[in-house]
Amino acid sequence: MSLNSSRTDIDSIHRRQSNSSIIQKRHLTNEIFNKQDSLNNVLSTDDIALKRHLGLFSGVCFIVGMIIGNKIYNYSTNYIKYFIN
């Protein structure tokens, strides 16, 4: 029994090694295809992206919004200091 069991162990180890090389080859081919697919996806999304456009009106609105937003935070800290003292 021990001779047969050792022989089956050797066979199973050999199968594992041969299977692992096949699996490694499959992983390598899958990685190559995944890299190619990801490159194609990146290239295709660049064509679809919209260009940013900031005209005169939207630029003025942006600057005014930034000024008002900053002033709200500045005044609120002054009011807090006034009410605490």
PDB file of N, CA and C in Angstrom:
ATOM      1  N   MET A   1       0.808  -1.193   0.000  1.00  0.00           N
ATOM      2  CA  MET A   1       0.000   0.000   0.000  1.00  0.00           C
ATOM      3  C   MET A   1       0.854   1.260   0.000  1.00  0.00           C
ATOM      4  N   SER A   2       1.915   1.237   0.716  1.00  0.00           N
ATOM      5  CA  SER A   2       2.741   2.435   0.803  1.00  0.00           C
ATOM      6  C   SER A   2       3.395   2.747  -0.538  1.00  0.00           C
ATOM      7  N   LEU A   3       3.771   1.710  -1.300  1.00  0.00           N
ATOM      8  CA  LEU A   3       4.362   1.930  -2.613  1.00  0.00           C
ATOM      9  C   LEU A   3       3.344   2.559  -3.560  1.00  0.00           C
ATOM     10  N   ASN A   4       2.130   2.071  -3.548  1.00  0.00           N
ATOM     11  CA  ASN A   4       1.077   2.624  -4.407  1.00  0.00           C
ATOM     12  C   ASN A   4       0.706   4.046  -3.984  1.00  0.00           C
ATOM     13  N   SER A   5       0.651   4.260  -2.688  1.00  0.00           N
ATOM     14  CA  SER A   5       0.281   5.597  -2.219  1.00  0.00           C
ATOM     15  C   SER A   5       1.374   6.611  -2.548  1.00  0.00           C
ATOM     16  N   SER A   6       2.644   6.185  -2.453  1.00  0.00           N
ATOM     17  CA  SER A   6       3.724   7.109  -2.801  1.00  0.00           C
ATOM     18  C   SER A   6       3.716   7.403  -4.300  1.00  0.00           C
ATOM     19  N   ARG A   7       3.373   6.417  -5.101  1.00  0.00           N
ATOM     20  CA  ARG A   7       3.313   6.616  -6.545  1.00  0.00           C
ATOM     21  C   ARG A   7       2.176   7.579  -6.907  1.00  0.00           C
ATOM     22  N   THR A   8       1.050   7.459  -6.259  1.00  0.00           N
ATOM     23  CA  THR A   8      -0.058   8.384  -6.540  1.00  0.00           C
ATOM     24  C   THR A   8       0.279   9.791  -6.063  1.00  0.00           C
ATOM     25  N   ASP A   9       1.033   9.891  -4.973  1.00  0.00           N
ATOM     26  CA  ASP A   9       1.461  11.207  -4.504  1.00  0.00           C
ATOM     27  C   ASP A   9       2.380  11.872  -5.525  1.00  0.00           C
ATOM     28  N   ILE A  10       3.309  11.084  -6.074  1.00  0.00           N
ATOM     29  CA  ILE A  10       4.228  11.625  -7.074  1.00  0.00           C
ATOM     30  C   ILE A  10       3.452  12.047  -8.317  1.00  0.00           C
ATOM     31  N   ASP A  11       2.494  11.223  -8.739  1.00  0.00           N
ATOM     32  CA  ASP A  11       1.678  11.565  -9.904  1.00  0.00           C
ATOM     33  C   ASP A  11       0.862  12.834  -9.656  1.00  0.00           C
ATOM     34  N   SER A  12       0.299  12.945  -8.470  1.00  0.00           N
ATOM     35  CA  SER A  12      -0.513  14.132  -8.185  1.00  0.00           C
ATOM     36  C   SER A  12       0.355  15.386  -8.124  1.00  0.00           C
ATOM     37  N   ILE A  13       1.580  15.250  -7.600  1.00  0.00           N
ATOM     38  CA  ILE A  13       2.493  16.392  -7.564  1.00  0.00           C
ATOM     39  C   ILE A  13       2.880  16.791  -8.980  1.00  0.00           C
ATOM     40  N   HIS A  14       3.146  15.792  -9.837  1.00  0.00           N
ATOM     41  CA  HIS A  14       3.495  16.090 -11.221  1.00  0.00           C
ATOM     42  C   HIS A  14       2.326  16.778 -11.930  1.00  0.00           C
ATOM     43  N   ARG A  15       1.119  16.337 -11.685  1.00  0.00           N
ATOM     44  CA  ARG A  15      -0.052  16.967 -12.295  1.00  0.00           C
ATOM     45  C   ARG A  15      -0.211  18.400 -11.809  1.00  0.00           C
ATOM     46  N   ARG A  16       0.039  18.616 -10.547  1.00  0.00           N
ATOM     47  CA  ARG A  16      -0.072  19.973 -10.004  1.00  0.00           C
ATOM     48  C   ARG A  16       0.931  20.901 -10.679  1.00  0.00           C
ATOM     49  N   GLN A  17       2.155  20.399 -10.871  1.00  0.00           N
ATOM     50  CA  GLN A  17       3.167  21.235 -11.511  1.00  0.00           C
ATOM     51  C   GLN A  17       2.802  21.509 -12.961  1.00  0.00           C
ATOM     52  N   SER A  18       2.320  20.500 -13.660  1.00  0.00           N
ATOM     53  CA  SER A  18       1.959  20.711 -15.059  1.00  0.00           C
ATOM     54  C   SER A  18       0.736  21.618 -15.155  1.00  0.00           C
ATOM     55  N   ASN A  19      -0.205  21.449 -14.253  1.00  0.00           N
ATOM     56  CA  ASN A  19      -1.376  22.314 -14.252  1.00  0.00           C
ATOM     57  C   ASN A  19      -0.995  23.746 -13.910  1.00  0.00           C
ATOM     58  N   SER A  20      -0.040  23.895 -13.015  1.00  0.00           N
ATOM     59  CA  SER A  20       0.342  25.251 -12.630  1.00  0.00           C
ATOM     60  C   SER A  20       0.987  25.988 -13.796  1.00  0.00           C
ATOM     61  N   SER A  21       1.752  25.286 -14.642  1.00  0.00           N
ATOM     62  CA  SER A  21       2.340  25.959 -15.801  1.00  0.00           C
ATOM     63  C   SER A  21       1.258  26.356 -16.795  1.00  0.00           C
ATOM     64  N   ILE A  22       0.254  25.526 -16.946  1.00  0.00           N
ATOM     65  CA  ILE A  22      -0.861  25.862 -17.838  1.00  0.00           C
ATOM     66  C   ILE A  22      -1.623  27.062 -17.287  1.00  0.00           C
ATOM     67  N   ILE A  23      -1.845  27.060 -15.995  1.00  0.00           N
ATOM     68  CA  ILE A  23      -2.559  28.170 -15.361  1.00  0.00           C
ATOM     69  C   ILE A  23      -1.752  29.454 -15.483  1.00  0.00           C
ATOM     70  N   GLN A  24      -0.433  29.349 -15.325  1.00  0.00           N
ATOM     71  CA  GLN A  24       0.404  30.539 -15.456  1.00  0.00           C
ATOM     72  C   GLN A  24       0.328  31.105 -16.871  1.00  0.00           C
ATOM     73  N   LYS A  25       0.323  30.233 -17.871  1.00  0.00           N
ATOM     74  CA  LYS A  25       0.210  30.700 -19.252  1.00  0.00           C
ATOM     75  C   LYS A  25      -1.137  31.376 -19.484  1.00  0.00           C
ATOM     76  N   ARG A  26      -2.188  30.808 -18.890  1.00  0.00           N
ATOM     77  CA  ARG A  26      -3.512  31.414 -19.042  1.00  0.00           C
ATOM     78  C   ARG A  26      -3.555  32.787 -18.387  1.00  0.00           C
ATOM     79  N   HIS A  27      -2.941  32.897 -17.212  1.00  0.00           N
ATOM     80  CA  HIS A  27      -2.916  34.185 -16.527  1.00  0.00           C
ATOM     81  C   HIS A  27      -2.153  35.219 -17.343  1.00  0.00           C
ATOM     82  N   LEU A  28      -1.044  34.796 -17.948  1.00  0.00           N
ATOM     83  CA  LEU A  28      -0.269  35.735 -18.756  1.00  0.00           C
ATOM     84  C   LEU A  28      -1.065  36.220 -19.965  1.00  0.00           C
ATOM     85  N   THR A  29      -1.756  35.300 -20.637  1.00  0.00           N
ATOM     86  CA  THR A  29      -2.548  35.719 -21.793  1.00  0.00           C
ATOM     87  C   THR A  29      -3.717  36.593 -21.357  1.00  0.00           C
ATOM     88  N   ASN A  30      -4.323  36.284 -20.205  1.00  0.00           N
ATOM     89  CA  ASN A  30      -5.417  37.121 -19.713  1.00  0.00           C
ATOM     90  C   ASN A  30      -4.920  38.515 -19.369  1.00  0.00           C
ATOM     91  N   GLU A  31      -3.727  38.608 -18.782  1.00  0.00           N
ATOM     92  CA  GLU A  31      -3.174  39.916 -18.442  1.00  0.00           C
ATOM     93  C   GLU A  31      -2.897  40.734 -19.700  1.00  0.00           C
ATOM     94  N   ILE A  32      -2.397  40.073 -20.741  1.00  0.00           N
ATOM     95  CA  ILE A  32      -2.120  40.776 -21.996  1.00  0.00           C
ATOM     96  C   ILE A  32      -3.420  41.314 -22.592  1.00  0.00           C
ATOM     97  N   PHE A  33      -4.469  40.476 -22.613  1.00  0.00           N
ATOM     98  CA  PHE A  33      -5.748  40.929 -23.158  1.00  0.00           C
ATOM     99  C   PHE A  33      -6.351  42.038 -22.305  1.00  0.00           C
ATOM    100  N   ASN A  34      -6.218  41.939 -20.987  1.00  0.00           N
ATOM    101  CA  ASN A  34      -6.755  42.980 -20.111  1.00  0.00           C
ATOM    102  C   ASN A  34      -6.036  44.300 -20.319  1.00  0.00           C
ATOM    103  N   LYS A  35      -4.716  44.252 -20.513  1.00  0.00           N
ATOM    104  CA  LYS A  35      -3.966  45.481 -20.757  1.00  0.00           C
ATOM    105  C   LYS A  35      -4.394  46.113 -22.075  1.00  0.00           C
ATOM    106  N   GLN A  36      -4.588  45.288 -23.105  1.00  0.00           N
ATOM    107  CA  GLN A  36      -5.010  45.815 -24.393  1.00  0.00           C
ATOM    108  C   GLN A  36      -6.408  46.411 -24.298  1.00  0.00           C
ATOM    109  N   ASP A  37      -7.312  45.737 -23.563  1.00  0.00           N
ATOM    110  CA  ASP A  37      -8.664  46.260 -23.404  1.00  0.00           C
ATOM    111  C   ASP A  37      -8.658  47.574 -22.643  1.00  0.00           C
ATOM    112  N   SER A  38      -7.831  47.660 -21.598  1.00  0.00           N
ATOM    113  CA  SER A  38      -7.798  48.895 -20.825  1.00  0.00           C
ATOM    114  C   SER A  38      -7.220  50.036 -21.651  1.00  0.00           C
ATOM    115  N   LEU A  39      -6.240  49.751 -22.501  1.00  0.00           N
ATOM    116  CA  LEU A  39      -5.703  50.790 -23.378  1.00  0.00           C
ATOM    117  C   LEU A  39      -6.757  51.257 -24.375  1.00  0.00           C
ATOM    118  N   ASN A  40      -7.525  50.321 -24.909  1.00  0.00           N
ATOM    119  CA  ASN A  40      -8.584  50.692 -25.847  1.00  0.00           C
ATOM    120  C   ASN A  40      -9.650  51.527 -25.157  1.00  0.00           C
ATOM    121  N   ASN A  41      -9.987  51.190 -23.911  1.00  0.00           N
ATOM    122  CA  ASN A  41     -10.985  51.959 -23.178  1.00  0.00           C
ATOM    123  C   ASN A  41     -10.499  53.371 -22.912  1.00  0.00           C
ATOM    124  N   VAL A  42      -9.234  53.522 -22.569  1.00  0.00           N
ATOM    125  CA  VAL A  42      -8.688  54.849 -22.295  1.00  0.00           C
ATOM    126  C   VAL A  42      -8.700  55.688 -23.561  1.00  0.00           C
ATOM    127  N   LEU A  43      -8.310  55.100 -24.653  1.00  0.00           N
ATOM    128  CA  LEU A  43      -8.277  55.845 -25.905  1.00  0.00           C
ATOM    129  C   LEU A  43      -9.679  56.222 -26.364  1.00  0.00           C
ATOM    130  N   SER A  44     -10.638  55.339 -26.169  1.00  0.00           N
ATOM    131  CA  SER A  44     -11.983  55.636 -26.638  1.00  0.00           C
ATOM    132  C   SER A  44     -12.662  56.687 -25.769  1.00  0.00           C
ATOM    133  N   THR A  45     -12.356  56.760 -24.475  1.00  0.00           N
ATOM    134  CA  THR A  45     -12.987  57.766 -23.622  1.00  0.00           C
ATOM    135  C   THR A  45     -12.413  59.144 -23.874  1.00  0.00           C
ATOM    136  N   ASP A  46     -11.183  59.241 -24.350  1.00  0.00           N
ATOM    137  CA  ASP A  46     -10.606  60.547 -24.652  1.00  0.00           C
ATOM    138  C   ASP A  46     -11.333  61.211 -25.819  1.00  0.00           C
ATOM    139  N   ASP A  47     -11.822  60.431 -26.749  1.00  0.00           N
ATOM    140  CA  ASP A  47     -12.527  60.992 -27.891  1.00  0.00           C
ATOM    141  C   ASP A  47     -13.890  61.547 -27.490  1.00  0.00           C
ATOM    142  N   ILE A  48     -14.513  60.991 -26.467  1.00  0.00           N
ATOM    143  CA  ILE A  48     -15.859  61.364 -26.073  1.00  0.00           C
ATOM    144  C   ILE A  48     -15.870  62.565 -25.131  1.00  0.00           C
ATOM    145  N   ALA A  49     -14.790  62.839 -24.439  1.00  0.00           N
ATOM    146  CA  ALA A  49     -14.754  63.885 -23.415  1.00  0.00           C
ATOM    147  C   ALA A  49     -15.037  65.259 -24.010  1.00  0.00           C
ATOM    148  N   LEU A  50     -15.784  66.062 -23.236  1.00  0.00           N
ATOM    149  CA  LEU A  50     -16.105  67.420 -23.665  1.00  0.00           C
ATOM    150  C   LEU A  50     -14.980  68.372 -23.289  1.00  0.00           C
ATOM    151  N   LYS A  51     -14.806  69.397 -24.098  1.00  0.00           N
ATOM    152  CA  LYS A  51     -13.798  70.404 -23.797  1.00  0.00           C
ATOM    153  C   LYS A  51     -14.381  71.404 -22.812  1.00  0.00           C
ATOM    154  N   ARG A  52     -13.559  71.871 -21.893  1.00  0.00           N
ATOM    155  CA  ARG A  52     -14.015  72.876 -20.939  1.00  0.00           C
ATOM    156  C   ARG A  52     -13.986  74.239 -21.607  1.00  0.00           C
ATOM    157  N   HIS A  53     -15.032  75.005 -21.331  1.00  0.00           N
ATOM    158  CA  HIS A  53     -15.121  76.334 -21.926  1.00  0.00           C
ATOM    159  C   HIS A  53     -15.533  77.314 -20.843  1.00  0.00           C
ATOM    160  N   LEU A  54     -14.738  78.338 -20.638  1.00  0.00           N
ATOM    161  CA  LEU A  54     -15.033  79.360 -19.650  1.00  0.00           C
ATOM    162  C   LEU A  54     -15.071  80.696 -20.381  1.00  0.00           C
ATOM    163  N   GLY A  55     -16.290  81.157 -20.629  1.00  0.00           N
ATOM    164  CA  GLY A  55     -16.454  82.418 -21.343  1.00  0.00           C
ATOM    165  C   GLY A  55     -16.411  83.605 -20.393  1.00  0.00           C
ATOM    166  N   LEU A  56     -16.735  84.774 -20.917  1.00  0.00           N
ATOM    167  CA  LEU A  56     -16.702  86.001 -20.125  1.00  0.00           C
ATOM    168  C   LEU A  56     -17.745  85.968 -19.011  1.00  0.00           C
ATOM    169  N   PHE A  57     -18.980  85.634 -19.352  1.00  0.00           N
ATOM    170  CA  PHE A  57     -20.053  85.625 -18.358  1.00  0.00           C
ATOM    171  C   PHE A  57     -19.804  84.585 -17.274  1.00  0.00           C
ATOM    172  N   SER A  58     -19.458  83.362 -17.669  1.00  0.00           N
ATOM    173  CA  SER A  58     -19.224  82.313 -16.679  1.00  0.00           C
ATOM    174  C   SER A  58     -17.981  82.608 -15.851  1.00  0.00           C
ATOM    175  N   GLY A  59     -16.983  83.259 -16.430  1.00  0.00           N
ATOM    176  CA  GLY A  59     -15.787  83.645 -15.672  1.00  0.00           C
ATOM    177  C   GLY A  59     -16.103  84.690 -14.625  1.00  0.00           C
ATOM    178  N   VAL A  60     -16.921  85.688 -15.001  1.00  0.00           N
ATOM    179  CA  VAL A  60     -17.319  86.724 -14.042  1.00  0.00           C
ATOM    180  C   VAL A  60     -18.159  86.117 -12.927  1.00  0.00           C
ATOM    181  N   CYS A  61     -19.084  85.229 -13.281  1.00  0.00           N
ATOM    182  CA  CYS A  61     -19.914  84.562 -12.260  1.00  0.00           C
ATOM    183  C   CYS A  61     -19.052  83.737 -11.317  1.00  0.00           C
ATOM    184  N   PHE A  62     -18.051  83.095 -11.832  1.00  0.00           N
ATOM    185  CA  PHE A  62     -17.158  82.289 -10.999  1.00  0.00           C
ATOM    186  C   PHE A  62     -16.407  83.175 -10.009  1.00  0.00           C
ATOM    187  N   ILE A  63     -15.871  84.300 -10.476  1.00  0.00           N
ATOM    188  CA  ILE A  63     -15.105  85.197  -9.600  1.00  0.00           C
ATOM    189  C   ILE A  63     -16.015  85.819  -8.547  1.00  0.00           C
ATOM    190  N   VAL A  64     -17.209  86.268  -8.946  1.00  0.00           N
ATOM    191  CA  VAL A  64     -18.154  86.851  -7.984  1.00  0.00           C
ATOM    192  C   VAL A  64     -18.568  85.808  -6.954  1.00  0.00           C
ATOM    193  N   GLY A  65     -18.796  84.591  -7.386  1.00  0.00           N
ATOM    194  CA  GLY A  65     -19.146  83.516  -6.455  1.00  0.00           C
ATOM    195  C   GLY A  65     -18.037  83.238  -5.460  1.00  0.00           C
ATOM    196  N   MET A  66     -16.808  83.273  -5.918  1.00  0.00           N
ATOM    197  CA  MET A  66     -15.677  83.064  -5.004  1.00  0.00           C
ATOM    198  C   MET A  66     -15.580  84.194  -3.990  1.00  0.00           C
ATOM    199  N   ILE A  67     -15.802  85.436  -4.433  1.00  0.00           N
ATOM    200  CA  ILE A  67     -15.730  86.580  -3.514  1.00  0.00           C
ATOM    201  C   ILE A  67     -16.839  86.490  -2.473  1.00  0.00           C
ATOM    202  N   ILE A  68     -18.062  86.217  -2.917  1.00  0.00           N
ATOM    203  CA  ILE A  68     -19.183  86.114  -1.978  1.00  0.00           C
ATOM    204  C   ILE A  68     -18.968  84.948  -1.028  1.00  0.00           C
ATOM    205  N   GLY A  69     -18.506  83.815  -1.536  1.00  0.00           N
ATOM    206  CA  GLY A  69     -18.266  82.653  -0.684  1.00  0.00           C
ATOM    207  C   GLY A  69     -17.219  82.929   0.372  1.00  0.00           C
ATOM    208  N   ASN A  70     -16.153  83.596   0.002  1.00  0.00           N
ATOM    209  CA  ASN A  70     -15.111  83.922   0.979  1.00  0.00           C
ATOM    210  C   ASN A  70     -15.604  84.931   2.005  1.00  0.00           C
ATOM    211  N   LYS A  71     -16.413  85.894   1.590  1.00  0.00           N
ATOM    212  CA  LYS A  71     -16.912  86.913   2.516  1.00  0.00           C
ATOM    213  C   LYS A  71     -17.878  86.307   3.525  1.00  0.00           C
ATOM    214  N   ILE A  72     -18.671  85.336   3.113  1.00  0.00           N
ATOM    215  CA  ILE A  72     -19.600  84.694   4.049  1.00  0.00           C
ATOM    216  C   ILE A  72     -18.824  84.052   5.186  1.00  0.00           C
ATOM    217  N   TYR A  73     -17.754  83.364   4.867  1.00  0.00           N
ATOM    218  CA  TYR A  73     -16.972  82.718   5.922  1.00  0.00           C
ATOM    219  C   TYR A  73     -16.235  83.740   6.776  1.00  0.00           C
ATOM    220  N   ASN A  74     -15.764  84.825   6.189  1.00  0.00           N
ATOM    221  CA  ASN A  74     -15.081  85.857   6.974  1.00  0.00           C
ATOM    222  C   ASN A  74     -16.045  86.548   7.926  1.00  0.00           C
ATOM    223  N   TYR A  75     -17.240  86.907   7.452  1.00  0.00           N
ATOM    224  CA  TYR A  75     -18.202  87.595   8.304  1.00  0.00           C
ATOM    225  C   TYR A  75     -18.722  86.680   9.403  1.00  0.00           C
ATOM    226  N   SER A  76     -18.895  85.409   9.103  1.00  0.00           N
ATOM    227  CA  SER A  76     -19.410  84.501  10.127  1.00  0.00           C
ATOM    228  C   SER A  76     -18.417  84.355  11.271  1.00  0.00           C
ATOM    229  N   THR A  77     -17.138  84.351  11.000  1.00  0.00           N
ATOM    230  CA  THR A  77     -16.166  84.269  12.098  1.00  0.00           C
ATOM    231  C   THR A  77     -16.152  85.556  12.898  1.00  0.00           C
ATOM    232  N   ASN A  78     -16.365  86.706  12.243  1.00  0.00           N
ATOM    233  CA  ASN A  78     -16.434  87.973  12.981  1.00  0.00           C
ATOM    234  C   ASN A  78     -17.658  88.008  13.890  1.00  0.00           C
ATOM    235  N   TYR A  79     -18.798  87.507  13.417  1.00  0.00           N
ATOM    236  CA  TYR A  79     -19.999  87.482  14.247  1.00  0.00           C
ATOM    237  C   TYR A  79     -19.820  86.557  15.441  1.00  0.00           C
ATOM    238  N   ILE A  80     -19.173  85.435  15.234  1.00  0.00           N
ATOM    239  CA  ILE A  80     -18.941  84.504  16.341  1.00  0.00           C
ATOM    240  C   ILE A  80     -18.038  85.150  17.380  1.00  0.00           C
ATOM    241  N   LYS A  81     -17.006  85.823  16.944  1.00  0.00           N
ATOM    242  CA  LYS A  81     -16.113  86.512  17.889  1.00  0.00           C
ATOM    243  C   LYS A  81     -16.863  87.610  18.639  1.00  0.00           C
ATOM    244  N   TYR A  82     -17.754  88.321  17.966  1.00  0.00           N
ATOM    245  CA  TYR A  82     -18.508  89.408  18.584  1.00  0.00           C
ATOM    246  C   TYR A  82     -19.453  88.875  19.656  1.00  0.00           C
ATOM    247  N   PHE A  83     -20.158  87.774  19.349  1.00  0.00           N
ATOM    248  CA  PHE A  83     -21.129  87.235  20.298  1.00  0.00           C
ATOM    249  C   PHE A  83     -20.464  86.523  21.463  1.00  0.00           C
ATOM    250  N   ILE A  84     -19.296  85.960  21.273  1.00  0.00           N
ATOM    251  CA  ILE A  84     -18.610  85.270  22.370  1.00  0.00           C
ATOM    252  C   ILE A  84     -18.081  86.283  23.375  1.00  0.00           C
ATOM    253  N   ASN A  85     -17.551  87.392  22.925  1.00  0.00           N
ATOM    254  CA  ASN A  85     -17.014  88.412  23.841  1.00  0.00           C
ATOM    255  C   ASN A  85     -18.137  89.204  24.369  1.00  0.00           C
TER     256      ASN A  85
END
